[in-house]
Amino acid sequence: MLSFKFIIALILTPMSLATKVQHLATPLSWDVLHAPELPVVDPPHNYTISPTSFTLLHGQSTAVLVDAPVNIETSHALADWVSEIIGNKTLTHIYVTHGHGDHFFGIPVLQQRFPGVIAVATERTIAHVAEQLSYAEFIEFWSATFPDQIPTQNETIQPLPLNGKFYLEGHLLQAVEVGQSDTYNTSVLHVPSLELVITGDAVYGECFQYLVETNTAKLRAEWIRAVDKIESLRPKIVVPSHKQIWDGYGTDHFEKTRQYIKDWETLLEVATSASDLKEKIIALYPQRVGDWILGISIDEVFPNQNSVKGKNLFPAPRT
């Protein structure tokens, strides 16, 4: 049976991309690892968590990684891939886009593999991470969903300057806070010299969008405004965290993300049950994947009908 790491190396590495700019002293490249869907322990369902993309930015001697996986095995596979890409270069930073565990749990594994690497985020994202880890039900949920797969957390993420700026060999890496998207306190990473934006969960590819925390018309409108803000950066390359390998990196992800939110809003007015909502959204988006995220999003609308645990997976921020 093929190992998980071998599958990643076999089908994902060829999809990595590199773009170079020559007008700065050091050329900058980018590569993306597409980690496949992972099984979720949620009996009696055979659900999977959505595929996740991890972006590596690297120059002549140093590199920056964006986000870290949820589990130990994928984190080691990511570390192997990073090592293969950068060779003798030094991984200096891991940038965390937001406080969901599938974007930061793997940091301790990466810190072991790359001594001296510093995890960084905006102050609001760090507060989000701390809030998430302080809830006993949150920790218990993840432990049950991914038993014996989540690294012990060390909470070593350091805050960026208030202006959100840091640099990779002269290239500006700009953290842009966008507020509410599929959760609160979210950010994206803009790389102006590459005309690239790494969107975290603020923009989606062809995966079902997580709408548990965006469960009112007001919050959904805020998410749409967040997408508008990212689009106003005028990138030519867009890297969503949750996308399929064939999705590409076009700006069409902006409108597709907005339209999904609008369609969800429309369906909420007419759906009569969990199964009805599921049938209707799949009919509109048959190509999307990530049935666990779809399940818990539906469960937020029709509690207990969908038999999916995790309705309060990501509690609202404390006031």
C-alpha atoms as a PDB file:
ATOM      1  CA  MET A   1       0.000   0.000   0.000  1.00  0.00           C
ATOM      2  CA  LEU A   2       1.368   3.423  -0.924  1.00  0.00           C
ATOM      3  CA  SER A   3       2.339   5.621   1.990  1.00  0.00           C
ATOM      4  CA  PHE A   4       0.787   9.057   2.462  1.00  0.00           C
ATOM      5  CA  LYS A   5       4.161  10.746   1.915  1.00  0.00           C
ATOM      6  CA  PHE A   6       4.755   8.800  -1.284  1.00  0.00           C
ATOM      7  CA  ILE A   7       1.343   9.778  -2.628  1.00  0.00           C
ATOM      8  CA  ILE A   8       2.108  13.438  -1.958  1.00  0.00           C
ATOM      9  CA  ALA A   9       5.487  13.177  -3.680  1.00  0.00           C
ATOM     10  CA  LEU A  10       3.993  11.290  -6.609  1.00  0.00           C
ATOM     11  CA  ILE A  11       0.981  13.429  -7.472  1.00  0.00           C
ATOM     12  CA  LEU A  12       1.608  16.797  -5.892  1.00  0.00           C
ATOM     13  CA  THR A  13       5.178  17.858  -6.444  1.00  0.00           C
ATOM     14  CA  PRO A  14       4.818  18.112 -10.247  1.00  0.00           C
ATOM     15  CA  MET A  15       2.150  20.756  -9.726  1.00  0.00           C
ATOM     16  CA  SER A  16       4.550  23.100  -7.933  1.00  0.00           C
ATOM     17  CA  LEU A  17       5.036  26.429  -9.641  1.00  0.00           C
ATOM     18  CA  ALA A  18       7.863  28.945  -9.635  1.00  0.00           C
ATOM     19  CA  THR A  19       7.757  32.551 -10.729  1.00  0.00           C
ATOM     20  CA  LYS A  20      10.775  34.836 -10.692  1.00  0.00           C
ATOM     21  CA  VAL A  21      11.093  38.587 -10.788  1.00  0.00           C
ATOM     22  CA  GLN A  22      14.335  40.148 -11.892  1.00  0.00           C
ATOM     23  CA  HIS A  23      13.909  43.807 -10.979  1.00  0.00           C
ATOM     24  CA  LEU A  24      15.041  43.251  -7.389  1.00  0.00           C
ATOM     25  CA  ALA A  25      18.539  42.195  -6.393  1.00  0.00           C
ATOM     26  CA  THR A  26      17.354  38.705  -5.472  1.00  0.00           C
ATOM     27  CA  PRO A  27      14.865  36.752  -7.602  1.00  0.00           C
ATOM     28  CA  LEU A  28      11.892  35.372  -5.688  1.00  0.00           C
ATOM     29  CA  SER A  29      10.168  32.055  -6.390  1.00  0.00           C
ATOM     30  CA  TRP A  30       6.976  30.459  -5.131  1.00  0.00           C
ATOM     31  CA  ASP A  31       5.875  26.845  -4.900  1.00  0.00           C
ATOM     32  CA  VAL A  32       2.697  25.221  -3.645  1.00  0.00           C
ATOM     33  CA  LEU A  33       2.178  21.846  -1.989  1.00  0.00           C
ATOM     34  CA  HIS A  34      -1.338  20.466  -2.397  1.00  0.00           C
ATOM     35  CA  ALA A  35      -1.997  18.189   0.579  1.00  0.00           C
ATOM     36  CA  PRO A  36      -4.934  15.871  -0.186  1.00  0.00           C
ATOM     37  CA  GLU A  37      -8.109  15.358   1.790  1.00  0.00           C
ATOM     38  CA  LEU A  38      -7.719  13.662   5.161  1.00  0.00           C
ATOM     39  CA  PRO A  39     -10.161  11.224   6.761  1.00  0.00           C
ATOM     40  CA  VAL A  40     -12.080  12.591   9.725  1.00  0.00           C
ATOM     41  CA  VAL A  41     -13.082  10.389  12.667  1.00  0.00           C
ATOM     42  CA  ASP A  42     -16.798  11.119  12.829  1.00  0.00           C
ATOM     43  CA  PRO A  43     -18.724   7.823  12.963  1.00  0.00           C
ATOM     44  CA  PRO A  44     -20.894   6.708  11.292  1.00  0.00           C
ATOM     45  CA  HIS A  45     -19.763   9.060   8.522  1.00  0.00           C
ATOM     46  CA  ASN A  46     -16.772   8.587   6.256  1.00  0.00           C
ATOM     47  CA  TYR A  47     -16.086  12.288   5.951  1.00  0.00           C
ATOM     48  CA  THR A  48     -12.857  13.974   4.908  1.00  0.00           C
ATOM     49  CA  ILE A  49     -11.435  17.397   5.690  1.00  0.00           C
ATOM     50  CA  SER A  50     -10.796  19.530   2.611  1.00  0.00           C
ATOM     51  CA  PRO A  51      -7.485  19.471   0.721  1.00  0.00           C
ATOM     52  CA  THR A  52      -5.132  22.212   1.863  1.00  0.00           C
ATOM     53  CA  SER A  53      -2.458  24.162   0.000  1.00  0.00           C
ATOM     54  CA  PHE A  54       0.778  25.396   1.571  1.00  0.00           C
ATOM     55  CA  THR A  55       2.807  28.089  -0.154  1.00  0.00           C
ATOM     56  CA  LEU A  56       6.591  28.398  -0.004  1.00  0.00           C
ATOM     57  CA  LEU A  57       8.305  31.656  -0.940  1.00  0.00           C
ATOM     58  CA  HIS A  58      12.072  31.517  -1.424  1.00  0.00           C
ATOM     59  CA  GLY A  59      14.965  33.598  -2.657  1.00  0.00           C
ATOM     60  CA  GLN A  60      18.648  32.801  -3.046  1.00  0.00           C
ATOM     61  CA  SER A  61      19.344  31.833   0.564  1.00  0.00           C
ATOM     62  CA  THR A  62      16.169  32.080   2.663  1.00  0.00           C
ATOM     63  CA  ALA A  63      12.524  31.020   2.538  1.00  0.00           C
ATOM     64  CA  VAL A  64       9.133  31.672   4.139  1.00  0.00           C
ATOM     65  CA  LEU A  65       6.299  29.138   4.481  1.00  0.00           C
ATOM     66  CA  VAL A  66       2.637  30.068   4.778  1.00  0.00           C
ATOM     67  CA  ASP A  67       0.567  28.020   7.265  1.00  0.00           C
ATOM     68  CA  ALA A  68       1.123  24.548   8.733  1.00  0.00           C
ATOM     69  CA  PRO A  69      -0.960  21.341   8.552  1.00  0.00           C
ATOM     70  CA  VAL A  70      -3.366  19.962  11.113  1.00  0.00           C
ATOM     71  CA  ASN A  71      -1.611  16.642  11.757  1.00  0.00           C
ATOM     72  CA  ILE A  72       1.817  15.178  12.387  1.00  0.00           C
ATOM     73  CA  GLU A  73       2.116  13.053   9.253  1.00  0.00           C
ATOM     74  CA  THR A  74       1.206  15.828   6.833  1.00  0.00           C
ATOM     75  CA  SER A  75       3.536  18.196   8.690  1.00  0.00           C
ATOM     76  CA  HIS A  76       6.448  15.809   8.172  1.00  0.00           C
ATOM     77  CA  ALA A  77       5.495  15.400   4.514  1.00  0.00           C
ATOM     78  CA  LEU A  78       5.418  19.180   4.168  1.00  0.00           C
ATOM     79  CA  ALA A  79       8.823  19.435   5.850  1.00  0.00           C
ATOM     80  CA  ASP A  80      10.239  16.856   3.426  1.00  0.00           C
ATOM     81  CA  TRP A  81       8.872  18.830   0.496  1.00  0.00           C
ATOM     82  CA  VAL A  82      10.231  22.137   1.816  1.00  0.00           C
ATOM     83  CA  SER A  83      13.659  20.556   2.291  1.00  0.00           C
ATOM     84  CA  GLU A  84      13.598  19.246  -1.267  1.00  0.00           C
ATOM     85  CA  ILE A  85      12.656  22.656  -2.670  1.00  0.00           C
ATOM     86  CA  ILE A  86      15.034  24.870  -0.689  1.00  0.00           C
ATOM     87  CA  GLY A  87      18.048  22.587  -0.331  1.00  0.00           C
ATOM     88  CA  ASN A  88      20.697  24.524   1.604  1.00  0.00           C
ATOM     89  CA  LYS A  89      18.525  27.607   1.976  1.00  0.00           C
ATOM     90  CA  THR A  90      17.233  28.548   5.436  1.00  0.00           C
ATOM     91  CA  LEU A  91      13.541  28.512   6.295  1.00  0.00           C
ATOM     92  CA  THR A  92      13.293  31.653   8.406  1.00  0.00           C
ATOM     93  CA  HIS A  93       9.560  32.148   9.009  1.00  0.00           C
ATOM     94  CA  ILE A  94       6.177  30.432   8.993  1.00  0.00           C
ATOM     95  CA  TYR A  95       3.365  32.913   8.460  1.00  0.00           C
ATOM     96  CA  VAL A  96      -0.034  31.952   9.927  1.00  0.00           C
ATOM     97  CA  THR A  97      -3.049  33.396   8.125  1.00  0.00           C
ATOM     98  CA  HIS A  98      -5.653  32.766  10.841  1.00  0.00           C
ATOM     99  CA  GLY A  99      -6.438  30.807  13.969  1.00  0.00           C
ATOM    100  CA  HIS A 100      -8.020  27.584  12.720  1.00  0.00           C
ATOM    101  CA  GLY A 101      -6.056  24.523  13.800  1.00  0.00           C
ATOM    102  CA  ASP A 102      -5.604  23.166  10.290  1.00  0.00           C
ATOM    103  CA  HIS A 103      -3.400  26.196   9.648  1.00  0.00           C
ATOM    104  CA  PHE A 104      -1.128  26.165  12.708  1.00  0.00           C
ATOM    105  CA  PHE A 105      -1.183  22.845  14.589  1.00  0.00           C
ATOM    106  CA  GLY A 106       1.823  21.518  12.654  1.00  0.00           C
ATOM    107  CA  ILE A 107       4.169  24.358  13.614  1.00  0.00           C
ATOM    108  CA  PRO A 108       5.994  22.375  16.372  1.00  0.00           C
ATOM    109  CA  VAL A 109       6.870  19.634  13.865  1.00  0.00           C
ATOM    110  CA  LEU A 110       8.253  22.194  11.430  1.00  0.00           C
ATOM    111  CA  GLN A 111      10.217  23.894  14.206  1.00  0.00           C
ATOM    112  CA  GLN A 112      11.861  20.573  15.020  1.00  0.00           C
ATOM    113  CA  ARG A 113      12.729  19.977  11.387  1.00  0.00           C
ATOM    114  CA  PHE A 114      13.927  23.547  10.760  1.00  0.00           C
ATOM    115  CA  PRO A 115      15.667  24.786  13.923  1.00  0.00           C
ATOM    116  CA  GLY A 116      15.429  28.521  14.354  1.00  0.00           C
ATOM    117  CA  VAL A 117      12.372  29.020  12.156  1.00  0.00           C
ATOM    118  CA  ILE A 118      10.061  31.669  13.622  1.00  0.00           C
ATOM    119  CA  ALA A 119       6.271  31.462  13.409  1.00  0.00           C
ATOM    120  CA  VAL A 120       4.692  34.884  12.884  1.00  0.00           C
ATOM    121  CA  ALA A 121       1.201  36.312  12.535  1.00  0.00           C
ATOM    122  CA  THR A 122      -0.774  39.454  13.174  1.00  0.00           C
ATOM    123  CA  GLU A 123      -1.629  40.222  16.789  1.00  0.00           C
ATOM    124  CA  ARG A 124      -5.295  39.486  16.082  1.00  0.00           C
ATOM    125  CA  THR A 125      -4.474  36.087  14.616  1.00  0.00           C
ATOM    126  CA  ILE A 126      -2.333  35.262  17.650  1.00  0.00           C
ATOM    127  CA  ALA A 127      -5.241  36.234  19.903  1.00  0.00           C
ATOM    128  CA  HIS A 128      -7.489  33.991  17.814  1.00  0.00           C
ATOM    129  CA  VAL A 129      -5.097  31.063  18.236  1.00  0.00           C
ATOM    130  CA  ALA A 130      -4.948  31.623  22.007  1.00  0.00           C
ATOM    131  CA  GLU A 131      -8.732  31.798  22.266  1.00  0.00           C
ATOM    132  CA  GLN A 132      -9.124  28.599  20.304  1.00  0.00           C
ATOM    133  CA  LEU A 133      -6.632  26.675  22.426  1.00  0.00           C
ATOM    134  CA  SER A 134      -8.170  27.904  25.680  1.00  0.00           C
ATOM    135  CA  TYR A 135     -11.489  26.139  25.091  1.00  0.00           C
ATOM    136  CA  ALA A 136     -11.535  22.617  26.515  1.00  0.00           C
ATOM    137  CA  GLU A 137     -14.262  21.552  24.080  1.00  0.00           C
ATOM    138  CA  PHE A 138     -12.167  22.776  21.160  1.00  0.00           C
ATOM    139  CA  ILE A 139      -9.148  20.742  22.229  1.00  0.00           C
ATOM    140  CA  GLU A 140     -11.304  17.695  22.949  1.00  0.00           C
ATOM    141  CA  PHE A 141     -12.983  18.006  19.570  1.00  0.00           C
ATOM    142  CA  TRP A 142      -9.761  18.055  17.583  1.00  0.00           C
ATOM    143  CA  SER A 143      -8.306  15.210  19.648  1.00  0.00           C
ATOM    144  CA  ALA A 144     -11.350  13.082  18.865  1.00  0.00           C
ATOM    145  CA  THR A 145     -11.462  14.060  15.208  1.00  0.00           C
ATOM    146  CA  PHE A 146      -7.754  13.412  14.609  1.00  0.00           C
ATOM    147  CA  PRO A 147      -6.822  11.005  17.425  1.00  0.00           C
ATOM    148  CA  ASP A 148      -3.101  10.840  18.201  1.00  0.00           C
ATOM    149  CA  GLN A 149      -2.398  12.961  15.122  1.00  0.00           C
ATOM    150  CA  ILE A 150      -2.095  16.511  16.483  1.00  0.00           C
ATOM    151  CA  PRO A 151       1.306  17.734  17.720  1.00  0.00           C
ATOM    152  CA  THR A 152       1.671  19.057  21.253  1.00  0.00           C
ATOM    153  CA  GLN A 153       1.241  22.809  21.000  1.00  0.00           C
ATOM    154  CA  ASN A 154       3.870  25.286  22.179  1.00  0.00           C
ATOM    155  CA  GLU A 155       2.167  28.597  21.259  1.00  0.00           C
ATOM    156  CA  THR A 156       5.365  30.235  20.025  1.00  0.00           C
ATOM    157  CA  ILE A 157       3.834  32.433  17.321  1.00  0.00           C
ATOM    158  CA  GLN A 158       5.350  35.914  17.431  1.00  0.00           C
ATOM    159  CA  PRO A 159       3.554  39.122  16.413  1.00  0.00           C
ATOM    160  CA  LEU A 160       4.470  41.011  13.294  1.00  0.00           C
ATOM    161  CA  PRO A 161       4.925  44.790  13.478  1.00  0.00           C
ATOM    162  CA  LEU A 162       1.613  46.635  13.548  1.00  0.00           C
ATOM    163  CA  ASN A 163       2.075  47.583   9.903  1.00  0.00           C
ATOM    164  CA  GLY A 164       2.171  43.873   9.001  1.00  0.00           C
ATOM    165  CA  LYS A 165       5.371  44.176   6.995  1.00  0.00           C
ATOM    166  CA  PHE A 166       8.273  41.761   6.832  1.00  0.00           C
ATOM    167  CA  TYR A 167      10.761  40.994   4.090  1.00  0.00           C
ATOM    168  CA  LEU A 168      12.292  38.126   2.196  1.00  0.00           C
ATOM    169  CA  GLU A 169      15.596  39.168   0.619  1.00  0.00           C
ATOM    170  CA  GLY A 170      14.319  42.655  -0.124  1.00  0.00           C
ATOM    171  CA  HIS A 171      10.838  41.602  -1.209  1.00  0.00           C
ATOM    172  CA  LEU A 172       7.971  42.995   0.840  1.00  0.00           C
ATOM    173  CA  LEU A 173       5.676  40.411   2.415  1.00  0.00           C
ATOM    174  CA  GLN A 174       2.600  42.299   3.545  1.00  0.00           C
ATOM    175  CA  ALA A 175       0.128  40.834   6.019  1.00  0.00           C
ATOM    176  CA  VAL A 176      -3.282  42.309   5.222  1.00  0.00           C
ATOM    177  CA  GLU A 177      -6.005  41.968   7.827  1.00  0.00           C
ATOM    178  CA  VAL A 178      -9.405  41.381   6.254  1.00  0.00           C
ATOM    179  CA  GLY A 179     -11.534  40.734   9.345  1.00  0.00           C
ATOM    180  CA  GLN A 180     -14.417  38.273   9.074  1.00  0.00           C
ATOM    181  CA  SER A 181     -14.210  35.666   6.354  1.00  0.00           C
ATOM    182  CA  ASP A 182     -14.947  32.045   7.208  1.00  0.00           C
ATOM    183  CA  THR A 183     -13.819  33.010  10.721  1.00  0.00           C
ATOM    184  CA  TYR A 184     -12.855  36.161  12.572  1.00  0.00           C
ATOM    185  CA  ASN A 185      -9.462  37.939  12.707  1.00  0.00           C
ATOM    186  CA  THR A 186      -8.371  36.604   9.335  1.00  0.00           C
ATOM    187  CA  SER A 187      -5.510  37.828   7.189  1.00  0.00           C
ATOM    188  CA  VAL A 188      -3.891  37.227   3.831  1.00  0.00           C
ATOM    189  CA  LEU A 189      -0.274  37.547   2.707  1.00  0.00           C
ATOM    190  CA  HIS A 190       0.352  39.875  -0.229  1.00  0.00           C
ATOM    191  CA  VAL A 191       3.599  39.681  -2.196  1.00  0.00           C
ATOM    192  CA  PRO A 192       3.540  42.780  -4.420  1.00  0.00           C
ATOM    193  CA  SER A 193       6.693  41.931  -6.380  1.00  0.00           C
ATOM    194  CA  LEU A 194       5.066  38.693  -7.557  1.00  0.00           C
ATOM    195  CA  GLU A 195       1.563  40.198  -7.876  1.00  0.00           C
ATOM    196  CA  LEU A 196       0.544  37.274  -5.671  1.00  0.00           C
ATOM    197  CA  VAL A 197      -1.779  36.932  -2.698  1.00  0.00           C
ATOM    198  CA  ILE A 198      -1.991  33.890  -0.415  1.00  0.00           C
ATOM    199  CA  THR A 199      -5.533  34.042   0.888  1.00  0.00           C
ATOM    200  CA  GLY A 200      -5.820  31.493   3.677  1.00  0.00           C
ATOM    201  CA  ASP A 201      -9.522  30.734   4.135  1.00  0.00           C
ATOM    202  CA  ALA A 202     -10.734  34.155   3.010  1.00  0.00           C
ATOM    203  CA  VAL A 203     -10.939  32.930  -0.588  1.00  0.00           C
ATOM    204  CA  TYR A 204     -11.763  29.360  -1.614  1.00  0.00           C
ATOM    205  CA  GLY A 205     -11.092  27.182  -4.596  1.00  0.00           C
ATOM    206  CA  GLU A 206     -13.362  24.297  -5.552  1.00  0.00           C
ATOM    207  CA  CYS A 207     -14.013  23.165  -1.976  1.00  0.00           C
ATOM    208  CA  PHE A 208     -17.181  23.593   0.053  1.00  0.00           C
ATOM    209  CA  GLN A 209     -16.910  26.793   2.050  1.00  0.00           C
ATOM    210  CA  TYR A 210     -16.993  26.710   5.836  1.00  0.00           C
ATOM    211  CA  LEU A 211     -20.048  28.672   6.983  1.00  0.00           C
ATOM    212  CA  VAL A 212     -20.409  27.685  10.635  1.00  0.00           C
ATOM    213  CA  GLU A 213     -18.962  30.965  11.880  1.00  0.00           C
ATOM    214  CA  THR A 214     -20.521  33.007   9.101  1.00  0.00           C
ATOM    215  CA  ASN A 215     -24.030  32.112  10.161  1.00  0.00           C
ATOM    216  CA  THR A 216     -25.865  35.434   9.786  1.00  0.00           C
ATOM    217  CA  ALA A 217     -26.567  37.679   6.822  1.00  0.00           C
ATOM    218  CA  LYS A 218     -24.402  40.363   8.434  1.00  0.00           C
ATOM    219  CA  LEU A 219     -21.402  38.059   8.782  1.00  0.00           C
ATOM    220  CA  ARG A 220     -21.805  36.731   5.258  1.00  0.00           C
ATOM    221  CA  ALA A 221     -21.838  40.313   3.975  1.00  0.00           C
ATOM    222  CA  GLU A 222     -18.625  40.940   5.913  1.00  0.00           C
ATOM    223  CA  TRP A 223     -17.014  37.952   4.219  1.00  0.00           C
ATOM    224  CA  ILE A 224     -17.965  39.321   0.814  1.00  0.00           C
ATOM    225  CA  ARG A 225     -16.419  42.664   1.770  1.00  0.00           C
ATOM    226  CA  ALA A 226     -13.255  40.819   2.815  1.00  0.00           C
ATOM    227  CA  VAL A 227     -13.048  39.253  -0.643  1.00  0.00           C
ATOM    228  CA  ASP A 228     -13.537  42.689  -2.192  1.00  0.00           C
ATOM    229  CA  LYS A 229     -10.673  44.045  -0.083  1.00  0.00           C
ATOM    230  CA  ILE A 230      -8.332  41.285  -1.217  1.00  0.00           C
ATOM    231  CA  GLU A 231      -9.316  41.800  -4.839  1.00  0.00           C
ATOM    232  CA  SER A 232      -8.516  45.514  -4.467  1.00  0.00           C
ATOM    233  CA  LEU A 233      -4.861  44.517  -4.018  1.00  0.00           C
ATOM    234  CA  ARG A 234      -5.017  43.725  -7.752  1.00  0.00           C
ATOM    235  CA  PRO A 235      -3.066  40.461  -7.671  1.00  0.00           C
ATOM    236  CA  LYS A 236      -2.628  38.355 -10.770  1.00  0.00           C
ATOM    237  CA  ILE A 237      -1.955  35.166  -8.810  1.00  0.00           C
ATOM    238  CA  VAL A 238      -4.358  33.927  -6.112  1.00  0.00           C
ATOM    239  CA  VAL A 239      -3.567  30.954  -3.853  1.00  0.00           C
ATOM    240  CA  PRO A 240      -6.537  29.805  -1.736  1.00  0.00           C
ATOM    241  CA  SER A 241      -5.788  27.450   1.138  1.00  0.00           C
ATOM    242  CA  HIS A 242      -8.596  25.080   0.215  1.00  0.00           C
ATOM    243  CA  LYS A 243      -8.553  24.283  -3.476  1.00  0.00           C
ATOM    244  CA  GLN A 244      -8.317  21.271  -5.719  1.00  0.00           C
ATOM    245  CA  ILE A 245      -5.110  20.472  -7.518  1.00  0.00           C
ATOM    246  CA  TRP A 246      -6.579  21.377 -10.913  1.00  0.00           C
ATOM    247  CA  ASP A 247      -8.061  24.687  -9.743  1.00  0.00           C
ATOM    248  CA  GLY A 248      -5.343  27.000 -10.915  1.00  0.00           C
ATOM    249  CA  TYR A 249      -4.364  30.335  -9.389  1.00  0.00           C
ATOM    250  CA  GLY A 250      -6.568  32.799 -11.219  1.00  0.00           C
ATOM    251  CA  THR A 251      -8.462  35.833  -9.991  1.00  0.00           C
ATOM    252  CA  ASP A 252     -11.731  34.028 -10.788  1.00  0.00           C
ATOM    253  CA  HIS A 253     -11.508  32.590  -7.261  1.00  0.00           C
ATOM    254  CA  PHE A 254     -12.739  35.945  -5.957  1.00  0.00           C
ATOM    255  CA  GLU A 255     -16.075  35.892  -7.762  1.00  0.00           C
ATOM    256  CA  LYS A 256     -16.559  32.158  -7.199  1.00  0.00           C
ATOM    257  CA  THR A 257     -16.120  32.648  -3.443  1.00  0.00           C
ATOM    258  CA  ARG A 258     -18.591  35.534  -3.398  1.00  0.00           C
ATOM    259  CA  GLN A 259     -21.129  33.658  -5.517  1.00  0.00           C
ATOM    260  CA  TYR A 260     -21.035  30.604  -3.258  1.00  0.00           C
ATOM    261  CA  ILE A 261     -21.858  32.796  -0.259  1.00  0.00           C
ATOM    262  CA  LYS A 262     -24.732  34.409  -2.161  1.00  0.00           C
ATOM    263  CA  ASP A 263     -26.060  31.044  -3.314  1.00  0.00           C
ATOM    264  CA  TRP A 264     -25.883  29.699   0.238  1.00  0.00           C
ATOM    265  CA  GLU A 265     -27.858  32.718   1.421  1.00  0.00           C
ATOM    266  CA  THR A 266     -30.507  32.079  -1.230  1.00  0.00           C
ATOM    267  CA  LEU A 267     -30.784  28.397  -0.387  1.00  0.00           C
ATOM    268  CA  LEU A 268     -31.259  29.148   3.305  1.00  0.00           C
ATOM    269  CA  GLU A 269     -34.554  30.811   2.369  1.00  0.00           C
ATOM    270  CA  VAL A 270     -35.940  27.748   0.617  1.00  0.00           C
ATOM    271  CA  ALA A 271     -34.277  24.664   2.134  1.00  0.00           C
ATOM    272  CA  THR A 272     -36.648  22.670   4.320  1.00  0.00           C
ATOM    273  CA  SER A 273     -34.207  20.270   5.977  1.00  0.00           C
ATOM    274  CA  ALA A 274     -30.562  19.334   6.259  1.00  0.00           C
ATOM    275  CA  SER A 275     -30.868  16.796   3.474  1.00  0.00           C
ATOM    276  CA  ASP A 276     -32.688  19.307   1.276  1.00  0.00           C
ATOM    277  CA  LEU A 277     -29.988  21.944   1.760  1.00  0.00           C
ATOM    278  CA  LYS A 278     -27.269  19.394   1.070  1.00  0.00           C
ATOM    279  CA  GLU A 279     -28.978  18.219  -2.106  1.00  0.00           C
ATOM    280  CA  LYS A 280     -29.465  21.764  -3.357  1.00  0.00           C
ATOM    281  CA  ILE A 281     -25.917  23.007  -2.720  1.00  0.00           C
ATOM    282  CA  ILE A 282     -24.378  19.886  -4.271  1.00  0.00           C
ATOM    283  CA  ALA A 283     -26.602  20.358  -7.322  1.00  0.00           C
ATOM    284  CA  LEU A 284     -25.167  23.866  -7.720  1.00  0.00           C
ATOM    285  CA  TYR A 285     -21.575  22.842  -6.946  1.00  0.00           C
ATOM    286  CA  PRO A 286     -21.140  19.168  -7.915  1.00  0.00           C
ATOM    287  CA  GLN A 287     -17.402  19.644  -8.491  1.00  0.00           C
ATOM    288  CA  ARG A 288     -16.625  20.819  -4.952  1.00  0.00           C
ATOM    289  CA  VAL A 289     -15.126  18.557  -2.281  1.00  0.00           C
ATOM    290  CA  GLY A 290     -14.802  18.592   1.503  1.00  0.00           C
ATOM    291  CA  ASP A 291     -17.922  16.839   2.744  1.00  0.00           C
ATOM    292  CA  TRP A 292     -17.053  17.274   6.432  1.00  0.00           C
ATOM    293  CA  ILE A 293     -16.973  21.065   6.102  1.00  0.00           C
ATOM    294  CA  LEU A 294     -20.255  20.924   4.192  1.00  0.00           C
ATOM    295  CA  GLY A 295     -21.734  18.699   6.888  1.00  0.00           C
ATOM    296  CA  ILE A 296     -20.900  20.947   9.829  1.00  0.00           C
ATOM    297  CA  SER A 297     -22.000  24.015   7.881  1.00  0.00           C
ATOM    298  CA  ILE A 298     -25.390  22.411   7.260  1.00  0.00           C
ATOM    299  CA  ASP A 299     -25.571  21.353  10.902  1.00  0.00           C
ATOM    300  CA  GLU A 300     -25.284  25.006  11.901  1.00  0.00           C
ATOM    301  CA  VAL A 301     -28.484  25.664   9.928  1.00  0.00           C
ATOM    302  CA  PHE A 302     -30.371  22.500  10.876  1.00  0.00           C
ATOM    303  CA  PRO A 303     -28.955  21.376  14.257  1.00  0.00           C
ATOM    304  CA  ASN A 304     -29.019  17.648  15.007  1.00  0.00           C
ATOM    305  CA  GLN A 305     -30.579  16.717  11.669  1.00  0.00           C
ATOM    306  CA  ASN A 306     -27.281  16.103   9.953  1.00  0.00           C
ATOM    307  CA  SER A 307     -25.709  14.076  12.799  1.00  0.00           C
ATOM    308  CA  VAL A 308     -22.395  15.862  12.468  1.00  0.00           C
ATOM    309  CA  LYS A 309     -20.523  16.803  15.593  1.00  0.00           C
ATOM    310  CA  GLY A 310     -18.600  20.029  15.770  1.00  0.00           C
ATOM    311  CA  LYS A 311     -21.338  22.634  15.461  1.00  0.00           C
ATOM    312  CA  ASN A 312     -19.431  24.746  17.991  1.00  0.00           C
ATOM    313  CA  LEU A 313     -16.057  23.698  16.656  1.00  0.00           C
ATOM    314  CA  PHE A 314     -14.764  27.253  16.541  1.00  0.00           C
ATOM    315  CA  PRO A 315     -16.431  29.308  19.289  1.00  0.00           C
ATOM    316  CA  ALA A 316     -16.941  33.011  18.796  1.00  0.00           C
ATOM    317  CA  PRO A 317     -14.281  35.296  20.289  1.00  0.00           C
ATOM    318  CA  ARG A 318     -14.672  36.188  23.921  1.00  0.00           C
ATOM    319  CA  THR A 319     -15.908  39.681  24.678  1.00  0.00           C
END
